[in-house]
Structures are given as C-alpha cells and as structure tokens.
Amino acid sequence: MVSPEKIRCMFGTDGVRDVANRGLMTPEMALSFGRAFALFLTEHGVPRPKIVVCRDTRRSGEMIESALRSGMMSAGAEIYLLGVFPTPGLSCVLRAGGFDAGAVISASHNPAEYNGIKFFTSQGYKLKDEDEAEIESYLGDDLLHDWRPTGASIGNTHDAHDKRRLYLDWLRGILESIGPREWPLVIDAANGAAAGIVRDIFGHWGGSVSYCGVDADGLNINDGVGVIHMHHLAAIVKENSARLGIAFDGDTDRVLMCDSRGRPIDGDIMLWVIGRYMASHGKLDKGLVATVMSNMALEEKMKEEGIPMFRCPVGDRYVLESMLETGALLGGEQSGHLIILDHVATGDGICTGLMFLKSCAELGEDVDTLVDRFTRYPQCLKNLKISDRERVLASPLMKEASDKAHERLAGRGRILLRPSGTEPLIRVLVESDDATLTKEVCDDLTKAITKIAG
C-alpha cells in the first residue's frame, strides 16, 4: 500500500486527462500508465491480470488504446477489448465477473482534442485516491523498467465485443419494466460513446423518439451537443413537441434533461424524483449523498420526505465512497453523475435516464412542473482560469476575502472555493436566500482571486 504521505500529481477527480499527444496523454505516457497499472495489479496478488478496455469516439482513442494495451501486455496482462463503449458499460461487464480490472480511454465532457485514462477494479468501481497514487509511484520506480516478461509470459489481446450484450440487455430490461411509455422523447448522445447504442435501447420505447449527437466522426464529440450544450437539446425538444429531452456526455456517465419547455432538469431534481421513488420502495432509509455543489433546496426537499442527506466532495468517486460509508443506495452530483447502487457501481447516464422515467411513471409525476416545484436558492457560479490554483487558494489574502464573504452571508447561505480536478480552473460557488447578495459576494470573491493571481 502507498505510504500515507504519498499524494497524486497526475490523476485528477476522474483519471488522467490532457490534450491528446501532449503532456500526460502521449502514447509514451499511455504505455507507461499501462505498465504501471499491470504492475500494480501484479503486486496486489494478480500475476497475469485480465483487463477489459473500452474507449469513446475521439480520433485519438485508438492511438491511446494501442499504447495503453501495449504497456499492459508488456507487463504480462491479458487485454479484452470492448471497442467504443460507455464507461458504465465497462463497469457492468466487470461486475458480471471474469475480469480483474478495467480501463477506459475517454476525456468525458472535454472537447475532442483531449483524452484521458481511468482505471477500474474488478467490482466495477473507480480506483481510490491512494491506489492512483501508488500507480503514479511506479512510474519512477526501477521495478517498472525491470519487470519484463518474455515468451509465453507476454500478454495477449482478445476481442470482447460479445460482452457488450450484458449491458445492453440489462438496460432494455429496465426500459421494459417502465409503465406507460408513450411520451415523445429526444435523445442526445453527444457524438460520444453512446452514439452507436442509443437506438438499440430506446428503439424499444413506446412513444416516438428523435435522436441527435449520434453521428460521431472522431472530432465532433461534445461539439455543440450533449450535457455541455443543453440549449441544443432544448431547441429540438420544443421543435418536436417532445415531453422530455435526455442528453449524455462523451463517455455516458453523466446525464442532464430538459422538460417540454426546454427548461433544464439537473442532477438535483433527478435525485429528488428518483429518491422519492426509491423511498416508496423502502430503499432510502439510510439517506442519499450529494456533493457540496448541490443546491440547498435539495436538502429542504429531502427533509420534507424524512430522508437524510449527506454532503461529500465533488467527484462521483467521492459520492460512491460516502455512499459505502453511510449505506446510502442513491447519490449524485448536480452536474448529472448519479449512482443508484443497487443497479450500478459508477455514474451511468442511460440507467439514470431510464430510472427517472420509471420513477415519474410510478409516482405519476408531471415532468413539466418539476422545475416550478423545485424552488432553488439563488446560486452564482464562476469558473476562473488560473494556472497556479494552489498558491491562490492558500494565500492569506484569499482567507481574508473568504472570511469577509462568510460574514456578509451571516448564516443565510454558503460559499465554496475549489480547484477543478480536470481543468486549470478555480470554481467559485456562492449560494444564499438573496439573489442580489449572492451575486455581490460572488463578484467580490472573483475580484479577489483575480487580484491574487496577478
């Protein structure tokens, strides 16, 4: 196990990520990460690990995949390729058994020029921080270079496309369990990992279904479509007189929706709806987990239902850790990462979308009134591009500005300052019961950060 003082430098909140063919995402680095991961598994008692691998639709995906699996094979691993497939699909395959670990090549919601690598356990969970730190430590260890299997000990590559049916059949089973299915839907696959499978799944829906973001060409993932560009989905929903729009991100572990008027339905509202459905079936007695980014309105809604709510840091890995600690079966982020633990082991956009439809059907929900009934505390969120984030956040001047902000809110709200785990940003979130006060405090903090950054 990695020493307590060891910290991650390359892994963020969702794996390693960078511009493809630059920095941390060169083929050389991917090969090293592959060797380090295989060595990590070997050192933990799996001498010839079976690792299942998938990727999203980025042009750089095959390049990174080739290097990653070469590194793994050179360390003695057997590689099983799923091809272009959602992150939660790989997790589903792992949970079914037969493999020792998994790897996904994707940069999720980032533009096409980015790519990334994230690793999974045999149970379909993302690795813990300390495991990723240990993998990083191997990159500078002589053992990584000395571990050179030869002959029959070198790994091999296998086609695992037949395993894809496990995930697709499971999702169709959820869809078929939903009651009335006549709502017209619009599905936006973000030109990502779900682009080739959404018709296979939602083609069994009883109502009409329109699709967008299903023409991936390697360069258009998340380009004007998907969860990052909800205005595009909203326009199509209104144009098609659809009841609901459902959008995914590049690797399909996130989902956001909009109602027939094009108004966004985010993770907080989904937690509220699915939470009530699960509570009605006696599955939420241990509460639910949300991150520090979730609106205070969610706490109020859960309190009204008698459901405890726990907060955790941003990142679906931390949501899962908190869920396992508390025993909660539901958790998620405002951004659309939801984990329904009796179904999945990681965020799953398609499963969440289907469970939302199932919850609405069983609860008799009017989707078009959800936004009106979920009265939010005013929030102000700013993303500031700052290269030296740690220095700025550790500055005494930052503490002074933060203390002043807390004094102004005086128990009426909260502030959150945090570095992004995937981009060179400092995120500033201010929330209170007064919209004017919220904006003023957020503006003051933004100015302070800009000044400190110089």
Protein backbone atom coordinates (compact mmCIF):
# COMPACT_ATOMS: atom_id res chain seq x y z
CA MET A 1 0.00 0.00 0.00
CA VAL A 2 1.23 3.50 -0.80
CA SER A 3 2.66 5.48 2.13
CA PRO A 4 0.27 7.96 3.81
CA GLU A 5 2.26 10.98 2.67
CA LYS A 6 2.07 9.97 -0.99
CA ILE A 7 -0.26 12.18 -3.00
CA ARG A 8 -1.49 12.10 -6.59
CA CYS A 9 0.06 14.53 -9.05
CA MET A 10 -1.19 13.23 -12.40
CA PHE A 11 -4.61 11.78 -11.58
CA GLY A 12 -7.48 14.21 -11.10
CA THR A 13 -11.05 13.65 -9.94
CA ASP A 14 -11.70 11.45 -12.98
CA GLY A 15 -8.47 9.79 -14.05
CA VAL A 16 -5.56 11.23 -16.01
CA ARG A 17 -6.50 13.77 -18.64
CA ASP A 18 -4.71 16.08 -21.08
CA VAL A 19 -4.65 17.22 -24.70
CA ALA A 20 -4.08 14.04 -26.70
CA ASN A 21 -0.49 13.61 -27.95
CA ARG A 22 0.70 16.22 -25.45
CA GLY A 23 1.75 16.17 -21.80
CA LEU A 24 0.20 13.26 -19.91
CA MET A 25 -1.63 11.89 -22.94
CA THR A 26 1.19 10.97 -25.29
CA PRO A 27 1.46 7.36 -26.46
CA GLU A 28 4.65 7.07 -24.42
CA MET A 29 2.84 8.12 -21.23
CA ALA A 30 -0.11 5.84 -22.00
CA LEU A 31 2.29 2.93 -22.39
CA SER A 32 3.88 3.76 -19.03
CA PHE A 33 0.49 4.03 -17.34
CA GLY A 34 -0.45 0.66 -18.81
CA ARG A 35 2.71 -0.98 -17.48
CA ALA A 36 2.28 0.70 -14.09
CA PHE A 37 -1.34 -0.44 -13.78
CA ALA A 38 -0.49 -4.04 -14.68
CA LEU A 39 2.41 -3.99 -12.22
CA PHE A 40 0.11 -2.51 -9.55
CA LEU A 41 -2.30 -5.43 -10.05
CA THR A 42 0.55 -7.97 -10.02
CA GLU A 43 1.96 -6.53 -6.80
CA HIS A 44 -1.54 -6.87 -5.30
CA GLY A 45 -1.74 -10.58 -5.99
CA VAL A 46 -2.96 -10.80 -9.61
CA PRO A 47 0.09 -12.14 -11.52
CA ARG A 48 -1.49 -12.26 -15.00
CA PRO A 49 -4.36 -9.78 -14.81
CA LYS A 50 -7.29 -9.88 -17.22
CA ILE A 51 -8.09 -6.27 -18.07
CA VAL A 52 -11.12 -5.19 -20.09
CA VAL A 53 -10.73 -1.93 -22.06
CA CYS A 54 -13.08 0.47 -23.86
CA ARG A 55 -12.90 3.98 -25.32
CA ASP A 56 -15.10 6.78 -26.59
CA THR A 57 -15.27 8.12 -30.15
CA ARG A 58 -12.29 10.51 -30.16
CA ARG A 59 -9.87 10.20 -33.06
CA SER A 60 -7.01 9.86 -30.56
CA GLY A 61 -8.74 6.93 -28.86
CA GLU A 62 -7.20 4.18 -30.97
CA MET A 63 -3.74 5.73 -30.59
CA ILE A 64 -4.00 5.86 -26.80
CA GLU A 65 -5.64 2.42 -26.64
CA SER A 66 -2.83 0.86 -28.69
CA ALA A 67 -0.17 2.32 -26.43
CA LEU A 68 -2.04 1.54 -23.20
CA ARG A 69 -2.64 -2.11 -24.07
CA SER A 70 0.94 -2.49 -25.32
CA GLY A 71 2.15 -1.31 -21.92
CA MET A 72 -0.20 -3.69 -20.13
CA MET A 73 0.75 -6.64 -22.35
CA SER A 74 4.46 -5.95 -21.87
CA ALA A 75 3.85 -6.33 -18.13
CA GLY A 76 2.09 -9.66 -18.67
CA ALA A 77 -1.59 -8.64 -18.76
CA GLU A 78 -4.29 -10.21 -20.93
CA ILE A 79 -6.34 -7.48 -22.64
CA TYR A 80 -10.02 -7.75 -23.65
CA LEU A 81 -11.29 -5.03 -25.99
CA LEU A 82 -14.90 -3.77 -25.97
CA GLY A 83 -14.26 -1.09 -28.61
CA VAL A 84 -16.24 2.16 -28.45
CA PHE A 85 -18.45 1.68 -25.39
CA PRO A 86 -19.76 3.73 -22.43
CA THR A 87 -17.80 3.89 -19.20
CA PRO A 88 -20.72 2.43 -17.19
CA GLY A 89 -20.95 -0.37 -19.75
CA LEU A 90 -17.41 -1.43 -18.87
CA SER A 91 -18.33 -1.25 -15.19
CA CYS A 92 -21.34 -3.51 -15.87
CA VAL A 93 -19.13 -6.05 -17.66
CA LEU A 94 -16.72 -6.05 -14.72
CA ARG A 95 -19.50 -6.60 -12.21
CA ALA A 96 -20.63 -9.65 -14.15
CA GLY A 97 -17.28 -11.29 -13.30
CA GLY A 98 -14.43 -12.89 -15.18
CA PHE A 99 -12.05 -9.91 -15.25
CA ASP A 100 -9.53 -8.49 -12.78
CA ALA A 101 -9.72 -4.82 -13.73
CA GLY A 102 -10.76 -2.32 -16.38
CA ALA A 103 -9.54 0.77 -18.19
CA VAL A 104 -11.49 3.47 -20.03
CA ILE A 105 -9.96 5.84 -22.57
CA SER A 106 -12.05 9.00 -22.54
CA ALA A 107 -12.00 12.67 -21.60
CA SER A 108 -15.70 12.64 -20.81
CA HIS A 109 -17.22 16.11 -21.38
CA ASN A 110 -13.99 17.74 -22.64
CA PRO A 111 -13.54 18.77 -26.32
CA ALA A 112 -12.34 16.27 -28.90
CA GLU A 113 -8.67 17.28 -28.70
CA TYR A 114 -8.49 15.96 -25.12
CA ASN A 115 -8.31 12.38 -23.97
CA GLY A 116 -7.86 10.54 -20.71
CA ILE A 117 -7.42 7.22 -18.92
CA LYS A 118 -9.28 5.94 -15.87
CA PHE A 119 -8.91 2.59 -14.18
CA PHE A 120 -11.50 0.32 -12.54
CA THR A 121 -11.46 -2.52 -10.02
CA SER A 122 -12.83 -5.99 -10.70
CA GLN A 123 -16.07 -4.89 -8.97
CA GLY A 124 -16.57 -2.05 -11.46
CA TYR A 125 -15.56 0.74 -9.08
CA LYS A 126 -13.13 3.55 -9.90
CA LEU A 127 -9.85 3.31 -8.04
CA LYS A 128 -9.37 5.10 -4.74
CA ASP A 129 -7.01 8.07 -4.44
CA GLU A 130 -4.36 6.00 -2.67
CA ASP A 131 -4.42 3.38 -5.43
CA GLU A 132 -3.92 6.00 -8.11
CA ALA A 133 -1.08 7.50 -6.05
CA GLU A 134 0.54 4.06 -5.88
CA ILE A 135 0.27 3.65 -9.65
CA GLU A 136 1.96 7.03 -10.07
CA SER A 137 4.75 5.92 -7.73
CA TYR A 138 5.58 3.00 -10.05
CA LEU A 139 6.30 5.43 -12.90
CA GLY A 140 9.54 6.48 -11.19
CA ASP A 141 10.40 3.03 -9.81
CA ASP A 142 13.17 0.92 -11.36
CA LEU A 143 10.89 -2.09 -10.97
CA LEU A 144 8.69 -0.72 -13.76
CA HIS A 145 11.62 -0.95 -16.18
CA ASP A 146 12.95 -4.24 -14.83
CA TRP A 147 9.60 -6.06 -14.98
CA ARG A 148 9.96 -7.57 -18.46
CA PRO A 149 8.11 -10.86 -19.01
CA THR A 150 9.25 -12.82 -22.07
CA GLY A 151 7.97 -15.62 -24.27
CA ALA A 152 4.60 -17.02 -23.22
CA SER A 153 4.53 -14.62 -20.24
CA ILE A 154 3.92 -11.63 -22.52
CA GLY A 155 0.25 -10.65 -22.60
CA ASN A 156 -2.18 -11.01 -25.46
CA THR A 157 -5.21 -9.14 -26.85
CA HIS A 158 -8.72 -10.60 -27.15
CA ASP A 159 -11.95 -9.39 -28.73
CA ALA A 160 -14.64 -8.95 -26.06
CA HIS A 161 -17.42 -7.45 -28.16
CA ASP A 162 -19.73 -10.29 -27.18
CA LYS A 163 -19.70 -8.94 -23.60
CA ARG A 164 -21.41 -5.74 -24.75
CA ARG A 165 -24.77 -7.56 -24.76
CA LEU A 166 -24.67 -7.84 -20.96
CA TYR A 167 -25.03 -4.08 -20.64
CA LEU A 168 -27.48 -3.56 -23.48
CA ASP A 169 -29.81 -6.37 -22.41
CA TRP A 170 -29.76 -5.11 -18.81
CA LEU A 171 -30.72 -1.57 -19.88
CA ARG A 172 -33.51 -2.84 -22.10
CA GLY A 173 -34.80 -4.80 -19.12
CA ILE A 174 -35.13 -1.58 -17.12
CA LEU A 175 -36.91 0.12 -20.01
CA GLU A 176 -39.37 -2.73 -20.40
CA SER A 177 -40.22 -2.53 -16.69
CA ILE A 178 -41.50 1.05 -17.05
CA GLY A 179 -45.25 1.57 -17.05
CA PRO A 180 -46.90 3.87 -19.66
CA ARG A 181 -44.32 4.53 -22.38
CA GLU A 182 -45.96 6.92 -24.81
CA TRP A 183 -44.02 10.12 -24.10
CA PRO A 184 -42.22 11.56 -27.15
CA LEU A 185 -38.51 11.74 -26.29
CA VAL A 186 -35.37 13.34 -27.72
CA ILE A 187 -32.09 11.53 -27.01
CA ASP A 188 -28.75 13.37 -27.40
CA ALA A 189 -25.75 11.02 -27.35
CA ALA A 190 -23.14 13.84 -27.58
CA ASN A 191 -21.47 12.11 -30.58
CA GLY A 192 -19.81 10.04 -27.87
CA ALA A 193 -19.64 6.50 -26.56
CA ALA A 194 -23.43 6.05 -26.57
CA ALA A 195 -23.88 7.20 -30.18
CA GLY A 196 -23.87 3.66 -31.53
CA ILE A 197 -26.15 2.07 -28.92
CA VAL A 198 -28.95 4.51 -28.00
CA ARG A 199 -31.17 3.39 -30.90
CA ASP A 200 -30.75 -0.20 -29.78
CA ILE A 201 -32.01 0.75 -26.31
CA PHE A 202 -34.59 3.49 -26.82
CA GLY A 203 -35.87 1.89 -30.02
CA HIS A 204 -38.00 -0.23 -27.66
CA TRP A 205 -39.68 2.85 -26.14
CA GLY A 206 -43.44 3.01 -26.74
CA GLY A 207 -43.53 6.65 -27.82
CA SER A 208 -41.74 8.42 -30.66
CA VAL A 209 -38.01 9.01 -30.21
CA SER A 210 -35.84 11.55 -32.03
CA TYR A 211 -32.05 11.38 -31.89
CA CYS A 212 -29.20 13.86 -32.14
CA GLY A 213 -25.48 13.60 -31.41
CA VAL A 214 -25.39 10.12 -32.98
CA ASP A 215 -23.13 10.87 -35.96
CA ALA A 216 -19.69 10.61 -34.37
CA ASP A 217 -16.74 11.28 -36.66
CA GLY A 218 -13.92 11.32 -34.13
CA LEU A 219 -13.73 15.12 -33.98
CA ASN A 220 -17.26 16.19 -33.03
CA ILE A 221 -17.68 14.61 -29.60
CA ASN A 222 -19.37 17.16 -27.28
CA ASP A 223 -19.24 19.69 -30.14
CA GLY A 224 -22.44 21.71 -29.73
CA VAL A 225 -24.25 18.67 -28.33
CA GLY A 226 -24.57 16.72 -25.10
CA VAL A 227 -24.72 17.90 -21.49
CA ILE A 228 -22.37 20.83 -22.16
CA HIS A 229 -24.74 22.34 -24.73
CA MET A 230 -28.24 21.84 -23.36
CA HIS A 231 -29.64 24.71 -25.43
CA HIS A 232 -29.27 22.46 -28.49
CA LEU A 233 -31.36 19.70 -26.93
CA ALA A 234 -33.92 22.22 -25.63
CA ALA A 235 -34.46 23.59 -29.15
CA ILE A 236 -35.04 20.13 -30.62
CA VAL A 237 -37.41 19.16 -27.79
CA LYS A 238 -39.58 22.22 -28.43
CA GLU A 239 -39.37 21.80 -32.20
CA ASN A 240 -40.53 18.16 -31.94
CA SER A 241 -43.13 18.83 -29.21
CA ALA A 242 -41.40 16.18 -27.11
CA ARG A 243 -42.23 15.53 -23.47
CA LEU A 244 -38.62 15.13 -22.33
CA GLY A 245 -35.10 15.54 -23.65
CA ILE A 246 -32.24 13.37 -22.35
CA ALA A 247 -28.59 14.28 -23.01
CA PHE A 248 -25.40 12.40 -22.18
CA ASP A 249 -21.73 13.35 -22.08
CA GLY A 250 -18.86 11.87 -24.08
CA ASP A 251 -18.46 8.65 -22.08
CA THR A 252 -22.13 8.43 -20.95
CA ASP A 253 -21.56 8.50 -17.20
CA ARG A 254 -23.45 11.81 -16.95
CA VAL A 255 -26.98 12.80 -17.93
CA LEU A 256 -28.97 16.03 -17.95
CA MET A 257 -32.52 16.53 -19.15
CA CYS A 258 -34.99 19.22 -20.14
CA ASP A 259 -38.78 19.40 -19.98
CA SER A 260 -41.12 20.14 -22.88
CA ARG A 261 -40.47 23.88 -22.45
CA GLY A 262 -36.72 23.34 -22.74
CA ARG A 263 -36.04 24.04 -19.06
CA PRO A 264 -33.10 22.09 -17.57
CA ILE A 265 -33.63 19.17 -15.21
CA ASP A 266 -30.31 18.70 -13.43
CA GLY A 267 -28.91 16.12 -11.04
CA ASP A 268 -30.55 17.73 -8.01
CA ILE A 269 -34.04 17.33 -9.47
CA MET A 270 -33.24 13.79 -10.59
CA LEU A 271 -32.10 12.93 -7.05
CA TRP A 272 -35.34 14.40 -5.70
CA VAL A 273 -37.53 12.36 -8.07
CA ILE A 274 -35.61 9.06 -8.01
CA GLY A 275 -35.10 9.48 -4.27
CA ARG A 276 -38.86 9.61 -3.65
CA TYR A 277 -39.38 6.58 -5.87
CA MET A 278 -36.72 4.59 -4.01
CA ALA A 279 -38.07 5.74 -0.63
CA SER A 280 -41.52 4.47 -1.61
CA HIS A 281 -39.92 1.04 -2.07
CA GLY A 282 -38.11 1.19 1.28
CA LYS A 283 -34.66 1.62 -0.29
CA LEU A 284 -33.65 5.01 1.09
CA ASP A 285 -33.79 4.57 4.87
CA LYS A 286 -30.01 5.25 5.01
CA GLY A 287 -30.46 8.54 3.12
CA LEU A 288 -28.82 9.87 -0.02
CA VAL A 289 -25.50 11.50 -0.82
CA ALA A 290 -24.98 14.78 -2.71
CA THR A 291 -21.87 16.88 -3.26
CA VAL A 292 -21.09 20.31 -1.91
CA MET A 293 -22.32 21.71 -5.24
CA SER A 294 -25.93 20.59 -4.80
CA ASN A 295 -28.43 23.35 -4.09
CA MET A 296 -29.70 23.82 -0.55
CA ALA A 297 -33.20 23.29 -1.96
CA LEU A 298 -32.39 19.59 -2.29
CA GLU A 299 -31.74 19.39 1.45
CA GLU A 300 -35.12 21.00 2.11
CA LYS A 301 -36.92 18.61 -0.25
CA MET A 302 -35.26 15.59 1.35
CA LYS A 303 -36.07 16.88 4.83
CA GLU A 304 -39.73 17.16 3.83
CA GLU A 305 -39.64 13.47 2.85
CA GLY A 306 -37.82 12.46 6.04
CA ILE A 307 -34.76 11.37 4.03
CA PRO A 308 -31.30 12.14 5.50
CA MET A 309 -28.86 13.84 3.12
CA PHE A 310 -25.07 13.71 3.36
CA ARG A 311 -22.59 16.03 1.63
CA CYS A 312 -19.28 14.98 0.10
CA PRO A 313 -16.54 16.49 -2.12
CA VAL A 314 -17.12 16.87 -5.88
CA GLY A 315 -16.48 13.75 -7.94
CA ASP A 316 -18.55 10.62 -8.38
CA ARG A 317 -15.76 8.56 -6.75
CA TYR A 318 -16.25 10.57 -3.56
CA VAL A 319 -20.01 10.19 -3.88
CA LEU A 320 -19.54 6.43 -4.02
CA GLU A 321 -17.14 6.41 -1.05
CA SER A 322 -19.65 8.35 1.03
CA MET A 323 -22.46 6.03 -0.07
CA LEU A 324 -20.49 2.98 1.02
CA GLU A 325 -19.70 4.64 4.36
CA THR A 326 -23.30 5.65 5.09
CA GLY A 327 -25.08 2.72 3.46
CA ALA A 328 -26.99 5.06 1.12
CA LEU A 329 -28.20 3.47 -2.11
CA LEU A 330 -28.55 6.75 -4.03
CA GLY A 331 -26.08 9.55 -4.57
CA GLY A 332 -25.01 12.02 -7.19
CA GLU A 333 -23.96 15.41 -8.39
CA GLN A 334 -25.86 18.42 -9.64
CA SER A 335 -23.89 18.01 -12.88
CA GLY A 336 -25.68 14.75 -13.67
CA HIS A 337 -23.45 12.00 -12.26
CA LEU A 338 -25.87 9.74 -10.38
CA ILE A 339 -25.13 6.39 -8.77
CA ILE A 340 -28.02 4.04 -7.98
CA LEU A 341 -26.06 1.49 -6.01
CA ASP A 342 -28.43 -1.45 -6.26
CA HIS A 343 -28.07 -1.11 -10.06
CA VAL A 344 -24.60 0.31 -10.81
CA ALA A 345 -21.12 0.83 -9.34
CA THR A 346 -20.40 4.14 -11.07
CA GLY A 347 -22.22 7.02 -12.72
CA ASP A 348 -24.45 5.74 -15.54
CA GLY A 349 -26.29 8.28 -17.69
CA ILE A 350 -28.52 5.80 -19.52
CA CYS A 351 -29.50 3.89 -16.37
CA THR A 352 -30.25 7.18 -14.61
CA GLY A 353 -32.38 8.37 -17.52
CA LEU A 354 -34.38 5.15 -17.53
CA MET A 355 -34.80 5.17 -13.75
CA PHE A 356 -36.00 8.78 -13.94
CA LEU A 357 -38.64 7.73 -16.49
CA LYS A 358 -39.60 4.75 -14.30
CA SER A 359 -39.84 6.98 -11.20
CA CYS A 360 -42.01 9.54 -12.98
CA ALA A 361 -44.31 6.83 -14.32
CA GLU A 362 -44.78 5.17 -10.93
CA LEU A 363 -45.09 8.43 -8.95
CA GLY A 364 -47.46 9.94 -11.53
CA GLU A 365 -45.12 12.91 -11.94
CA ASP A 366 -45.92 15.80 -14.25
CA VAL A 367 -42.46 16.43 -15.68
CA ASP A 368 -43.39 19.94 -16.80
CA THR A 369 -43.99 21.07 -13.20
CA LEU A 370 -40.78 19.73 -11.64
CA VAL A 371 -38.74 22.88 -12.26
CA ASP A 372 -41.53 25.06 -10.83
CA ARG A 373 -41.82 22.92 -7.69
CA PHE A 374 -38.08 22.73 -7.05
CA THR A 375 -37.56 26.27 -5.74
CA ARG A 376 -33.82 26.84 -5.65
CA TYR A 377 -31.69 29.08 -3.51
CA PRO A 378 -30.06 31.64 -5.84
CA GLN A 379 -26.60 30.45 -6.86
CA CYS A 380 -23.72 32.23 -8.56
CA LEU A 381 -21.03 30.02 -10.08
CA LYS A 382 -17.84 31.37 -11.69
CA ASN A 383 -15.07 29.35 -13.33
CA LEU A 384 -11.80 31.29 -13.30
CA LYS A 385 -8.90 30.17 -15.46
CA ILE A 386 -5.98 30.18 -13.01
CA SER A 387 -2.73 28.29 -13.62
CA ASP A 388 -1.32 28.40 -10.06
CA ARG A 389 -4.50 27.37 -8.28
CA GLU A 390 -2.92 26.01 -5.11
CA ARG A 391 -0.93 29.22 -4.46
CA VAL A 392 -4.01 31.39 -4.90
CA LEU A 393 -6.23 29.28 -2.66
CA ALA A 394 -3.54 29.07 0.05
CA SER A 395 -2.92 32.84 0.06
CA PRO A 396 -3.65 34.76 3.32
CA LEU A 397 -5.42 37.33 1.13
CA MET A 398 -7.74 34.55 -0.08
CA LYS A 399 -8.54 33.61 3.52
CA GLU A 400 -9.26 37.24 4.29
CA ALA A 401 -11.65 37.52 1.32
CA SER A 402 -13.31 34.22 2.24
CA ASP A 403 -13.82 35.27 5.87
CA LYS A 404 -15.36 38.54 4.73
CA ALA A 405 -17.74 36.64 2.42
CA HIS A 406 -18.84 34.38 5.29
CA GLU A 407 -19.51 37.42 7.45
CA ARG A 408 -21.69 39.00 4.76
CA LEU A 409 -23.74 35.82 4.37
CA ALA A 410 -24.14 35.56 8.16
CA GLY A 411 -25.76 32.13 8.17
CA ARG A 412 -28.01 32.89 5.19
CA GLY A 413 -26.01 30.84 2.72
CA ARG A 414 -22.64 29.34 1.93
CA ILE A 415 -19.57 29.70 -0.29
CA LEU A 416 -17.41 27.08 -1.94
CA LEU A 417 -13.94 27.66 -3.40
CA ARG A 418 -12.26 24.70 -5.04
CA PRO A 419 -9.83 23.82 -7.83
CA SER A 420 -11.23 21.85 -10.75
CA GLY A 421 -9.99 18.28 -10.86
CA THR A 422 -9.93 18.15 -14.67
CA GLU A 423 -9.13 21.70 -15.87
CA PRO A 424 -6.90 24.67 -14.80
CA LEU A 425 -9.82 26.41 -13.10
CA ILE A 426 -10.84 27.71 -9.70
CA ARG A 427 -14.57 27.30 -9.19
CA VAL A 428 -16.38 29.86 -7.08
CA LEU A 429 -19.86 29.00 -5.84
CA VAL A 430 -21.98 31.31 -3.70
CA GLU A 431 -25.48 30.41 -2.56
CA SER A 432 -27.92 32.28 -0.32
CA ASP A 433 -31.58 33.18 0.06
CA ASP A 434 -30.98 36.60 -1.55
CA ALA A 435 -30.09 36.81 -5.24
CA THR A 436 -28.54 40.30 -5.00
CA LEU A 437 -26.40 39.35 -2.01
CA THR A 438 -25.36 36.13 -3.75
CA LYS A 439 -24.12 37.97 -6.83
CA GLU A 440 -22.32 40.67 -4.84
CA VAL A 441 -20.43 38.14 -2.71
CA CYS A 442 -19.52 36.07 -5.78
CA ASP A 443 -18.27 39.17 -7.62
CA ASP A 444 -16.14 40.18 -4.62
CA LEU A 445 -14.55 36.73 -4.40
CA THR A 446 -13.93 36.69 -8.15
CA LYS A 447 -12.15 40.04 -7.95
CA ALA A 448 -10.06 38.87 -5.01
CA ILE A 449 -8.95 35.72 -6.82
CA THR A 450 -8.09 37.65 -9.99
CA LYS A 451 -6.06 40.15 -7.98
CA ILE A 452 -4.18 37.45 -6.04
CA ALA A 453 -3.42 35.58 -9.27
CA GLY A 454 -1.81 38.77 -10.57
